[in-house]
C-alpha atoms as a PDB file:
ATOM      1  CA  MET A   1      -0.012   0.085  -0.070  1.00  0.00           C
ATOM      2  CA  TYR A   2       3.061   2.289  -0.402  1.00  0.00           C
ATOM      3  CA  PRO A   3       3.111   5.267  -0.338  1.00  0.00           C
ATOM      4  CA  ARG A   4       0.029   5.445   1.853  1.00  0.00           C
ATOM      5  CA  LEU A   5       1.571   2.805   4.221  1.00  0.00           C
ATOM      6  CA  LEU A   6       5.277   2.834   4.678  1.00  0.00           C
ATOM      7  CA  PRO A   7       7.364  -0.108   6.008  1.00  0.00           C
ATOM      8  CA  GLY A   8       6.965  -0.288   9.769  1.00  0.00           C
ATOM      9  CA  ALA A   9       3.709   1.690   9.860  1.00  0.00           C
ATOM     10  CA  THR A  10       1.173   0.950  12.567  1.00  0.00           C
ATOM     11  CA  VAL A  11      -2.439   0.519  11.604  1.00  0.00           C
ATOM     12  CA  LEU A  12      -5.326   0.572  13.831  1.00  0.00           C
ATOM     13  CA  ILE A  13      -8.246  -1.786  12.775  1.00  0.00           C
ATOM     14  CA  ASP A  14     -11.814  -1.203  13.434  1.00  0.00           C
ATOM     15  CA  ARG A  15     -12.917  -4.840  13.805  1.00  0.00           C
ATOM     16  CA  HIS A  16     -16.636  -3.940  14.075  1.00  0.00           C
ATOM     17  CA  TYR A  17     -16.686  -2.218  10.670  1.00  0.00           C
ATOM     18  CA  ASN A  18     -16.648  -5.013   7.989  1.00  0.00           C
ATOM     19  CA  SER A  19     -19.139  -3.400   5.519  1.00  0.00           C
ATOM     20  CA  LEU A  20     -18.071  -2.204   2.160  1.00  0.00           C
ATOM     21  CA  LYS A  21     -20.085   0.879   2.553  1.00  0.00           C
ATOM     22  CA  PRO A  22     -17.726   4.135   2.668  1.00  0.00           C
ATOM     23  CA  TYR A  23     -17.178   5.314   6.249  1.00  0.00           C
ATOM     24  CA  ARG A  24     -16.784   8.915   4.829  1.00  0.00           C
ATOM     25  CA  LYS A  25     -18.559  10.170   1.712  1.00  0.00           C
ATOM     26  CA  GLY A  26     -16.246  10.371  -1.171  1.00  0.00           C
ATOM     27  CA  GLU A  27     -13.382   8.373   0.365  1.00  0.00           C
ATOM     28  CA  SER A  28     -12.449   4.725  -0.287  1.00  0.00           C
ATOM     29  CA  ASN A  29     -11.964   2.537   2.884  1.00  0.00           C
ATOM     30  CA  MET A  30      -8.832   0.473   3.340  1.00  0.00           C
ATOM     31  CA  TYR A  31      -9.444  -2.860   4.939  1.00  0.00           C
ATOM     32  CA  ALA A  32      -7.488  -5.610   6.621  1.00  0.00           C
ATOM     33  CA  VAL A  33      -8.459  -8.797   4.654  1.00  0.00           C
ATOM     34  CA  ASN A  34      -7.988 -12.457   5.557  1.00  0.00           C
ATOM     35  CA  LYS A  35      -6.392 -13.899   2.456  1.00  0.00           C
ATOM     36  CA  ASN A  36      -5.455 -17.462   2.519  1.00  0.00           C
ATOM     37  CA  ASP A  37      -4.968 -17.250   6.269  1.00  0.00           C
ATOM     38  CA  PHE A  38      -2.878 -14.187   6.087  1.00  0.00           C
ATOM     39  CA  CYS A  39      -3.686 -10.636   6.689  1.00  0.00           C
ATOM     40  CA  THR A  40      -3.285  -7.961   3.911  1.00  0.00           C
ATOM     41  CA  VAL A  41      -4.342  -4.352   3.583  1.00  0.00           C
ATOM     42  CA  ARG A  42      -6.120  -3.286   0.340  1.00  0.00           C
ATOM     43  CA  TYR A  43      -9.014  -1.432  -0.922  1.00  0.00           C
ATOM     44  CA  VAL A  44     -11.846  -3.873  -1.531  1.00  0.00           C
ATOM     45  CA  GLU A  45     -14.541  -4.380  -4.134  1.00  0.00           C
ATOM     46  CA  VAL A  46     -17.105  -7.229  -4.789  1.00  0.00           C
ATOM     47  CA  ALA A  47     -17.341  -8.410  -8.447  1.00  0.00           C
ATOM     48  CA  GLY A  48     -19.796 -11.396  -8.789  1.00  0.00           C
ATOM     49  CA  LYS A  49     -18.575 -14.115  -6.434  1.00  0.00           C
ATOM     50  CA  HIS A  50     -14.934 -12.537  -6.087  1.00  0.00           C
ATOM     51  CA  LEU A  51     -13.393  -9.971  -3.931  1.00  0.00           C
ATOM     52  CA  VAL A  52     -11.211  -7.506  -5.946  1.00  0.00           C
ATOM     53  CA  LEU A  53      -8.239  -6.374  -3.789  1.00  0.00           C
ATOM     54  CA  ARG A  54      -6.699  -3.122  -5.055  1.00  0.00           C
ATOM     55  CA  PRO A  55      -3.439  -1.708  -3.876  1.00  0.00           C
ATOM     56  CA  HIS A  56      -2.986   1.920  -3.384  1.00  0.00           C
ATOM     57  CA  ASN A  57      -0.017   2.002  -5.904  1.00  0.00           C
ATOM     58  CA  ASN A  58      -0.996   1.143  -9.288  1.00  0.00           C
ATOM     59  CA  ALA A  59       2.444  -0.243 -10.108  1.00  0.00           C
ATOM     60  CA  TYR A  60       1.413  -3.483  -8.108  1.00  0.00           C
ATOM     61  CA  PRO A  61      -1.094  -5.924  -9.477  1.00  0.00           C
ATOM     62  CA  ILE A  62      -4.766  -6.265  -8.498  1.00  0.00           C
ATOM     63  CA  GLU A  63      -5.683  -9.553  -6.875  1.00  0.00           C
ATOM     64  CA  VAL A  64      -8.806 -11.372  -7.149  1.00  0.00           C
ATOM     65  CA  LEU A  65      -9.995 -13.672  -4.277  1.00  0.00           C
ATOM     66  CA  PRO A  66     -12.886 -15.998  -5.129  1.00  0.00           C
ATOM     67  CA  MET A  67     -15.367 -16.281  -2.264  1.00  0.00           C
ATOM     68  CA  GLN A  68     -16.297 -19.637  -1.028  1.00  0.00           C
ATOM     69  CA  ALA A  69     -19.870 -21.008  -1.336  1.00  0.00           C
ATOM     70  CA  GLY A  70     -22.132 -19.563   1.223  1.00  0.00           C
ATOM     71  CA  LYS A  71     -19.723 -16.812   2.396  1.00  0.00           C
ATOM     72  CA  ARG A  72     -19.994 -13.114   1.579  1.00  0.00           C
ATOM     73  CA  ALA A  73     -17.514 -10.205   1.486  1.00  0.00           C
ATOM     74  CA  HIS A  74     -17.811  -9.446   5.272  1.00  0.00           C
ATOM     75  CA  ASN A  75     -16.660 -13.029   6.159  1.00  0.00           C
ATOM     76  CA  TYR A  76     -13.133 -12.052   4.538  1.00  0.00           C
ATOM     77  CA  LEU A  77     -12.895  -8.499   6.021  1.00  0.00           C
ATOM     78  CA  ILE A  78     -11.170  -8.297   9.352  1.00  0.00           C
ATOM     79  CA  GLY A  79     -12.025  -4.664   9.610  1.00  0.00           C
ATOM     80  CA  ARG A  80     -11.603  -1.173   8.370  1.00  0.00           C
ATOM     81  CA  VAL A  81      -8.184   0.613   8.643  1.00  0.00           C
ATOM     82  CA  CYS A  82      -9.121   3.685  10.608  1.00  0.00           C
ATOM     83  CA  TYR A  83      -5.672   5.123  11.722  1.00  0.00           C
ATOM     84  CA  VAL A  84      -2.255   4.826  10.346  1.00  0.00           C
ATOM     85  CA  GLY A  85       0.734   5.758  12.430  1.00  0.00           C
ATOM     86  CA  ILE A  86       4.138   6.370  10.893  1.00  0.00           C
ATOM     87  CA  GLU A  87       7.160   7.250  13.201  1.00  0.00           C
ATOM     88  CA  THR A  88       9.721   9.634  11.569  1.00  0.00           C
END
């Protein structure tokens, strides 16, 4: 998620907010996402039965995560990134 998140940044996750509805009007939410038993931070969209995981930097590839039968997007979202702390 560079340059939005720098190496060593600390993020605060709101684990109660796992909706894809924007928290602030006109701003995209960043989410901590459970991807294959690992946590990744991305912008998230739903396309059919897939989650589209978009990085902040367009130089990195978009990832597509198929949702398992009976699961919805909120089952994969750990929570919304609500604070980013970077020490200088």
